[in-house]
Amino acid sequence: MKLIEITAYLENLAPPSYQEDYDNSGLIVGHVNDEVHSALVALDCTEQVVEEAIAKKCDLIITHHPIVFKGLKKLNGNNYVERVVLKAIKNNIALYAIHTNLDSVQNGVNAEICKRLGIENAKILLPKTGVLKKLVTFCENKDTEKLRNALFEAGAGQISHYSDCSFSINGVGTFKGDEQANPTLGKRGVREYADETRIEVIFKSQDERKILLALFENHPYEEVAYDIYALENKLQNVGSGMVGWLSQEMEGKEFLQFVKHHMKATVLRHTSILAKKIKKVAVCGGAGSFLLKNAIAAGADAFVTADFKYHEFFDAEDKIMIVDMGHFESEQFTSNLLIDNIQEKFPNFAVRLTEHNTNPINYFI
């Protein structure tokens, strides 16, 4: 199939607009019109992973972490990033990363952690802002329903578990066309008064092109009057971390053993074991210390994540137990998540899990 079929699906699963500013998710090497026959999935794109793709005749590597975070000024093979990119190009292997955008979606990285820890009724810990917009347009009353339905069909008016959400109010609009105008109502050169409906709908920023296309194709006027507003409203099912409930509460030590076993962690770093039992748990794949205050505010008894620095452990202040299982360990099952989704969508496309452990950290126990 064409590479664009895979990338379009992945970007529907985790829209690129949800990634953080510092990130570099998306197609890093390759062209969307390239033919691809099989994919190799890994957490990181290392030289070993590229060699494995060559040996298995995979022409696409999908990873969680982007191999290129910052701009490359040279491609001389002087470091592992340059060598990976060069080797991929020489062997016609496309590289695709799906990173913080997959962290942010409801069924992404953090949902996988919740699934493996048996955390129920999980919700986004820190909902994302800046991804919602509002469209306001004006339409003759008799065409309002047709236009509204077209906007809904394009993805507008979706609020959590509710669809077809809009607001309307009737009023009177005025216009006067010049000699070159071809007005739907009235005559050129005459100020016209029209009974109109003001329609307001919200939409996700990544759907703006589809929304505007639906607007222009279904609006009866020659010139469409509309406004688009950026909203600061939080999108409740998109954002950082998750928080939910264990099916059964546990003592602190028991919970640590539980996490270590189910997340296949070699070692856990943690704050003091508190007197209270663990029932409500917050999680964040990868570096999650920025969410500690949110986890405490949510009433979580424990926060399972990675990459806490020494002094950041003090910030728990005996209000919560921090459990740091390591960056790789917190995200290692992301590859399985991606394979499951791709196989469900493309059952006849060969997708394989890497045989290499890409964790750069080793433990001496």
Protein backbone atom coordinates (compact mmCIF):
# COMPACT_ATOMS: atom_id res chain seq x y z
CA MET A 1 0.00 0.00 0.00
CA LYS A 2 0.96 3.65 -0.15
CA LEU A 3 2.74 5.04 2.89
CA ILE A 4 0.09 7.76 3.16
CA GLU A 5 -2.54 5.11 4.00
CA ILE A 6 -0.59 4.14 7.14
CA THR A 7 0.38 7.68 8.14
CA ALA A 8 -3.16 8.99 7.62
CA TYR A 9 -4.49 6.27 9.91
CA LEU A 10 -1.87 6.97 12.59
CA GLU A 11 -2.58 10.69 12.40
CA ASN A 12 -6.27 10.02 12.84
CA LEU A 13 -5.42 7.86 15.86
CA ALA A 14 -3.20 10.58 17.34
CA PRO A 15 -3.47 13.92 15.49
CA PRO A 16 -0.11 15.71 15.04
CA SER A 17 -1.68 18.91 16.40
CA TYR A 18 -1.75 17.23 19.84
CA GLN A 19 2.04 16.95 20.06
CA GLU A 20 4.06 19.27 22.28
CA ASP A 21 5.97 22.21 20.79
CA TYR A 22 9.36 20.57 21.34
CA ASP A 23 8.35 17.33 19.64
CA ASN A 24 8.99 16.05 16.10
CA SER A 25 6.32 13.44 15.50
CA GLY A 26 5.33 12.47 11.97
CA LEU A 27 7.09 11.24 8.84
CA ILE A 28 10.81 11.88 9.34
CA VAL A 29 12.23 9.94 6.36
CA GLY A 30 10.30 8.95 3.25
CA HIS A 31 7.58 10.24 0.95
CA VAL A 32 3.86 9.71 1.46
CA ASN A 33 3.49 8.23 -2.06
CA ASP A 34 6.14 5.55 -1.46
CA GLU A 35 5.02 1.91 -1.57
CA VAL A 36 5.39 0.04 1.71
CA HIS A 37 5.02 -3.70 2.24
CA SER A 38 5.82 -4.29 5.91
CA ALA A 39 6.62 -2.34 9.07
CA LEU A 40 8.83 -2.81 12.11
CA VAL A 41 7.63 -1.23 15.36
CA ALA A 42 9.92 -0.17 18.22
CA LEU A 43 10.08 2.33 21.06
CA ASP A 44 13.30 3.89 19.66
CA CYS A 45 14.93 3.90 16.24
CA THR A 46 18.49 2.68 16.81
CA GLU A 47 21.07 1.38 14.36
CA GLN A 48 20.22 -2.15 15.48
CA VAL A 49 16.56 -1.58 14.69
CA VAL A 50 17.39 -0.32 11.19
CA GLU A 51 19.62 -3.37 10.62
CA GLU A 52 16.74 -5.57 11.76
CA ALA A 53 14.39 -3.82 9.31
CA ILE A 54 16.87 -4.42 6.49
CA ALA A 55 17.20 -8.12 7.41
CA LYS A 56 13.41 -8.57 7.60
CA LYS A 57 12.80 -6.54 4.44
CA CYS A 58 10.68 -3.96 6.28
CA ASP A 59 10.45 -0.66 4.40
CA LEU A 60 8.87 1.26 7.27
CA ILE A 61 9.93 1.72 10.90
CA ILE A 62 7.34 3.13 13.30
CA THR A 63 8.63 4.32 16.67
CA HIS A 64 7.30 6.20 19.65
CA HIS A 65 10.37 8.41 20.06
CA PRO A 66 11.51 10.48 17.04
CA ILE A 67 15.09 9.79 15.98
CA VAL A 68 15.38 13.48 15.03
CA PHE A 69 14.32 15.96 17.72
CA LYS A 70 16.27 18.97 16.48
CA GLY A 71 17.30 20.08 13.01
CA LEU A 72 20.22 18.25 11.43
CA LYS A 73 22.82 20.58 9.94
CA LYS A 74 24.99 17.77 8.57
CA LEU A 75 24.59 14.14 7.53
CA ASN A 76 28.13 12.81 7.89
CA GLY A 77 27.40 9.80 10.09
CA ASN A 78 29.33 11.30 13.02
CA ASN A 79 26.71 10.31 15.60
CA TYR A 80 24.02 7.67 15.95
CA VAL A 81 21.23 10.00 14.80
CA GLU A 82 23.00 10.81 11.53
CA ARG A 83 23.94 7.16 10.99
CA VAL A 84 20.36 5.97 11.50
CA VAL A 85 18.96 8.55 9.08
CA LEU A 86 21.62 7.84 6.45
CA LYS A 87 21.15 4.08 6.68
CA ALA A 88 17.37 4.43 6.41
CA ILE A 89 17.67 6.64 3.31
CA LYS A 90 20.21 4.35 1.64
CA ASN A 91 17.95 1.35 2.16
CA ASN A 92 14.68 3.07 1.21
CA ILE A 93 13.23 2.68 4.70
CA ALA A 94 10.69 5.25 5.85
CA LEU A 95 10.86 6.46 9.46
CA TYR A 96 7.71 7.55 11.28
CA ALA A 97 7.36 8.69 14.91
CA ILE A 98 4.18 9.01 16.97
CA HIS A 99 5.27 10.53 20.26
CA THR A 100 3.58 13.12 22.50
CA ASN A 101 0.49 13.11 20.31
CA LEU A 102 0.04 9.43 21.24
CA ASP A 103 0.72 10.35 24.87
CA SER A 104 -2.15 12.82 24.72
CA VAL A 105 -5.05 10.76 23.35
CA GLN A 106 -7.63 8.91 25.41
CA ASN A 107 -6.59 5.48 24.10
CA GLY A 108 -2.86 6.09 23.93
CA VAL A 109 0.24 5.43 26.03
CA ASN A 110 -1.31 6.22 29.40
CA ALA A 111 -4.40 4.15 28.70
CA GLU A 112 -2.09 1.20 28.05
CA ILE A 113 -0.45 1.68 31.46
CA CYS A 114 -3.90 1.88 33.09
CA LYS A 115 -4.93 -1.30 31.30
CA ARG A 116 -1.89 -3.22 32.56
CA LEU A 117 -2.34 -1.94 36.11
CA GLY A 118 -6.09 -2.59 36.11
CA ILE A 119 -6.93 1.08 36.66
CA GLU A 120 -10.63 1.66 36.00
CA ASN A 121 -12.68 4.72 35.00
CA ALA A 122 -9.49 6.51 33.95
CA LYS A 123 -9.69 10.14 32.88
CA ILE A 124 -7.16 12.61 31.52
CA LEU A 125 -5.17 14.15 34.38
CA LEU A 126 -4.35 17.46 32.66
CA PRO A 127 -6.72 18.19 29.75
CA LYS A 128 -5.20 20.05 26.82
CA THR A 129 -5.99 23.65 25.89
CA GLY A 130 -5.50 25.43 22.56
CA VAL A 131 -6.92 22.65 20.38
CA LEU A 132 -10.52 23.84 20.13
CA LYS A 133 -11.93 26.53 17.86
CA LYS A 134 -15.36 28.01 17.22
CA LEU A 135 -16.92 28.74 13.84
CA VAL A 136 -19.59 31.43 13.58
CA THR A 137 -21.44 31.87 10.29
CA PHE A 138 -24.65 33.44 9.00
CA CYS A 139 -27.11 31.79 6.64
CA GLU A 140 -30.58 32.43 5.22
CA ASN A 141 -33.12 30.74 7.47
CA LYS A 142 -34.38 28.24 4.91
CA ASP A 143 -30.87 26.81 4.29
CA THR A 144 -29.82 26.63 7.94
CA GLU A 145 -30.56 22.97 8.57
CA LYS A 146 -28.74 21.79 5.46
CA LEU A 147 -25.64 23.81 6.37
CA ARG A 148 -25.72 22.75 10.01
CA ASN A 149 -25.92 19.06 9.03
CA ALA A 150 -22.96 19.45 6.65
CA LEU A 151 -20.86 21.01 9.42
CA PHE A 152 -21.77 18.18 11.80
CA GLU A 153 -20.86 15.63 9.13
CA ALA A 154 -17.43 17.28 8.77
CA GLY A 155 -16.75 16.88 12.50
CA ALA A 156 -18.05 20.09 14.05
CA GLY A 157 -20.24 20.13 17.14
CA GLN A 158 -18.62 17.23 18.98
CA ILE A 159 -18.37 17.76 22.76
CA SER A 160 -17.16 14.69 24.68
CA HIS A 161 -19.97 12.11 24.41
CA TYR A 162 -22.35 14.53 22.65
CA SER A 163 -22.59 15.21 18.93
CA ASP A 164 -24.59 17.68 16.80
CA CYS A 165 -23.95 20.49 19.32
CA SER A 166 -24.61 24.02 18.07
CA PHE A 167 -26.21 27.33 18.98
CA SER A 168 -28.41 29.43 16.72
CA ILE A 169 -30.14 32.78 16.92
CA ASN A 170 -32.18 34.61 14.32
CA GLY A 171 -31.54 38.14 13.12
CA VAL A 172 -31.42 40.42 10.10
CA GLY A 173 -28.39 40.74 7.83
CA THR A 174 -27.70 43.43 5.25
CA PHE A 175 -25.61 43.51 2.07
CA LYS A 176 -25.32 45.35 -1.23
CA GLY A 177 -23.60 43.79 -4.23
CA ASP A 178 -21.68 45.78 -6.83
CA GLU A 179 -22.01 45.42 -10.60
CA GLN A 180 -19.88 42.29 -10.68
CA ALA A 181 -21.72 40.55 -7.84
CA ASN A 182 -24.11 37.67 -8.37
CA PRO A 183 -26.20 37.73 -5.19
CA THR A 184 -28.34 34.76 -4.20
CA LEU A 185 -30.93 37.19 -2.85
CA GLY A 186 -32.02 40.56 -4.25
CA LYS A 187 -30.45 42.77 -6.92
CA ARG A 188 -27.08 44.36 -7.59
CA GLY A 189 -26.62 47.87 -6.27
CA VAL A 190 -29.49 47.63 -3.81
CA ARG A 191 -29.12 47.20 -0.07
CA GLU A 192 -30.89 43.99 0.81
CA TYR A 193 -32.24 42.83 4.15
CA ALA A 194 -32.27 39.08 4.82
CA ASP A 195 -33.75 37.02 7.63
CA GLU A 196 -30.74 34.99 8.70
CA THR A 197 -29.63 32.50 11.33
CA ARG A 198 -26.35 32.89 13.21
CA ILE A 199 -24.86 29.38 13.65
CA GLU A 200 -22.10 28.63 16.19
CA VAL A 201 -20.25 25.30 16.38
CA ILE A 202 -16.98 24.23 17.99
CA PHE A 203 -14.45 21.94 16.33
CA LYS A 204 -10.98 20.49 16.82
CA SER A 205 -8.23 22.53 15.21
CA GLN A 206 -7.02 19.61 13.09
CA ASP A 207 -10.46 19.50 11.41
CA GLU A 208 -10.44 23.14 10.29
CA ARG A 209 -9.81 22.36 6.63
CA LYS A 210 -12.71 19.87 6.51
CA ILE A 211 -15.01 22.27 8.36
CA LEU A 212 -14.29 25.17 5.99
CA LEU A 213 -14.68 22.93 2.95
CA ALA A 214 -18.11 21.84 4.21
CA LEU A 215 -19.01 25.47 4.90
CA PHE A 216 -18.09 26.72 1.41
CA GLU A 217 -19.64 23.75 -0.42
CA ASN A 218 -22.97 23.95 1.38
CA HIS A 219 -23.48 27.66 2.01
CA PRO A 220 -25.90 29.23 -0.51
CA TYR A 221 -24.26 32.67 -0.64
CA GLU A 222 -21.74 33.83 -3.21
CA GLU A 223 -19.66 35.36 -0.42
CA VAL A 224 -19.70 33.47 2.87
CA ALA A 225 -19.50 35.54 6.06
CA TYR A 226 -17.83 33.63 8.89
CA ASP A 227 -15.53 34.03 11.91
CA ILE A 228 -13.17 31.53 13.54
CA TYR A 229 -12.19 31.98 17.18
CA ALA A 230 -9.42 30.17 19.05
CA LEU A 231 -10.77 28.83 22.36
CA GLU A 232 -9.02 28.29 25.67
CA ASN A 233 -11.53 25.62 26.68
CA LYS A 234 -9.97 22.33 27.77
CA LEU A 235 -10.55 19.27 25.63
CA GLN A 236 -11.37 16.77 28.36
CA ASN A 237 -10.44 13.58 26.47
CA VAL A 238 -7.06 14.87 25.25
CA GLY A 239 -4.09 15.81 27.41
CA SER A 240 -1.33 14.61 29.73
CA GLY A 241 -1.43 11.68 32.15
CA MET A 242 -4.45 9.76 33.42
CA VAL A 243 -6.01 9.08 36.80
CA GLY A 244 -8.39 6.34 37.91
CA TRP A 245 -9.15 3.66 40.47
CA LEU A 246 -7.72 0.27 41.30
CA SER A 247 -10.34 -2.47 41.49
CA GLN A 248 -9.07 -3.24 45.01
CA GLU A 249 -7.08 -1.02 47.35
CA MET A 250 -3.58 -2.15 48.35
CA GLU A 251 -0.99 -1.51 51.00
CA GLY A 252 1.92 0.58 49.73
CA LYS A 253 4.46 -2.27 49.58
CA GLU A 254 1.95 -4.56 47.93
CA PHE A 255 1.27 -1.88 45.31
CA LEU A 256 4.98 -1.51 44.55
CA GLN A 257 5.27 -5.25 43.96
CA PHE A 258 2.15 -5.07 41.79
CA VAL A 259 3.58 -2.28 39.61
CA LYS A 260 6.96 -3.96 39.29
CA HIS A 261 5.38 -7.23 38.17
CA HIS A 262 2.77 -5.89 35.75
CA MET A 263 5.04 -3.28 34.18
CA LYS A 264 7.99 -5.71 34.01
CA ALA A 265 10.23 -3.18 35.74
CA THR A 266 13.69 -4.16 36.90
CA VAL A 267 13.73 -1.67 39.77
CA LEU A 268 11.44 1.02 41.20
CA ARG A 269 12.41 4.31 42.83
CA HIS A 270 9.78 5.66 45.19
CA THR A 271 9.05 8.04 48.04
CA SER A 272 8.12 6.86 51.53
CA ILE A 273 5.41 4.24 51.82
CA LEU A 274 2.47 6.06 53.36
CA ALA A 275 0.15 4.80 56.07
CA LYS A 276 -2.89 5.09 53.82
CA LYS A 277 -3.81 2.40 51.31
CA ILE A 278 -3.44 2.90 47.57
CA LYS A 279 -6.78 3.18 45.76
CA LYS A 280 -6.67 6.14 43.38
CA VAL A 281 -3.69 6.15 41.02
CA ALA A 282 -2.32 8.68 38.53
CA VAL A 283 -0.03 7.59 35.70
CA CYS A 284 2.11 9.22 33.03
CA GLY A 285 4.28 7.46 30.47
CA GLY A 286 7.76 8.93 30.20
CA ALA A 287 8.88 12.00 32.15
CA GLY A 288 5.90 12.94 34.32
CA SER A 289 7.22 15.09 37.16
CA PHE A 290 5.46 18.15 35.70
CA LEU A 291 2.15 16.48 36.59
CA LEU A 292 2.85 15.89 40.31
CA LYS A 293 0.73 18.84 41.46
CA ASN A 294 -2.12 17.67 39.25
CA ALA A 295 -1.90 14.15 40.66
CA ILE A 296 -2.06 15.52 44.21
CA ALA A 297 -4.94 17.84 43.33
CA ALA A 298 -6.82 14.89 41.82
CA GLY A 299 -6.57 13.08 45.16
CA ALA A 300 -4.34 10.28 43.86
CA ASP A 301 -2.70 8.07 46.48
CA ALA A 302 0.15 7.15 44.12
CA PHE A 303 1.69 8.57 40.96
CA VAL A 304 3.31 6.03 38.62
CA THR A 305 5.63 7.60 36.06
CA ALA A 306 9.36 8.07 35.27
CA ASP A 307 12.35 10.40 35.21
CA PHE A 308 11.88 12.15 38.56
CA LYS A 309 14.96 14.10 39.65
CA TYR A 310 16.34 13.84 43.18
CA HIS A 311 14.91 17.08 44.54
CA GLU A 312 11.54 16.52 42.87
CA PHE A 313 10.87 13.54 45.15
CA PHE A 314 10.70 15.97 48.10
CA ASP A 315 7.71 17.67 46.46
CA ALA A 316 5.50 14.70 47.34
CA GLU A 317 5.50 16.00 50.96
CA ASP A 318 3.91 12.77 52.20
CA LYS A 319 0.70 13.59 50.31
CA ILE A 320 1.27 10.97 47.62
CA MET A 321 3.64 8.11 46.86
CA ILE A 322 5.75 8.71 43.77
CA VAL A 323 6.66 5.52 41.90
CA ASP A 324 9.37 5.97 39.27
CA MET A 325 9.70 2.83 37.15
CA GLY A 326 12.01 4.20 34.45
CA HIS A 327 11.34 5.85 31.10
CA PHE A 328 11.68 2.75 28.94
CA GLU A 329 9.67 0.64 31.37
CA SER A 330 6.78 3.11 31.39
CA GLU A 331 6.51 3.13 27.59
CA GLN A 332 7.71 -0.31 26.55
CA PHE A 333 4.19 -1.56 25.80
CA THR A 334 3.49 1.32 23.42
CA SER A 335 4.82 -0.81 20.56
CA ASN A 336 2.24 -3.50 21.32
CA LEU A 337 -0.46 -0.84 21.39
CA LEU A 338 0.56 0.40 17.93
CA ILE A 339 0.76 -3.10 16.46
CA ASP A 340 -2.70 -4.00 17.78
CA ASN A 341 -4.21 -0.86 16.24
CA ILE A 342 -2.46 -1.25 12.88
CA GLN A 343 -3.34 -4.93 12.57
CA GLU A 344 -6.99 -4.21 13.34
CA LYS A 345 -7.12 -1.54 10.62
CA PHE A 346 -4.88 -3.32 8.07
CA PRO A 347 -5.16 -7.08 8.73
CA ASN A 348 -3.27 -7.95 5.54
CA PHE A 349 -0.33 -5.63 6.19
CA ALA A 350 2.74 -7.23 7.78
CA VAL A 351 3.70 -5.44 10.99
CA ARG A 352 6.34 -6.81 13.38
CA LEU A 353 7.59 -6.03 16.86
CA THR A 354 11.33 -5.43 17.12
CA GLU A 355 13.43 -8.15 18.76
CA HIS A 356 15.79 -5.54 20.23
CA ASN A 357 15.53 -3.99 23.67
CA THR A 358 16.30 -0.34 22.95
CA ASN A 359 16.60 0.71 26.60
CA PRO A 360 19.94 2.56 26.90
CA ILE A 361 19.93 2.13 30.69
CA ASN A 362 21.27 -1.00 32.35
CA TYR A 363 20.86 -2.01 35.99
CA PHE A 364 23.42 -3.71 38.20
CA ILE A 365 21.47 -5.58 40.88
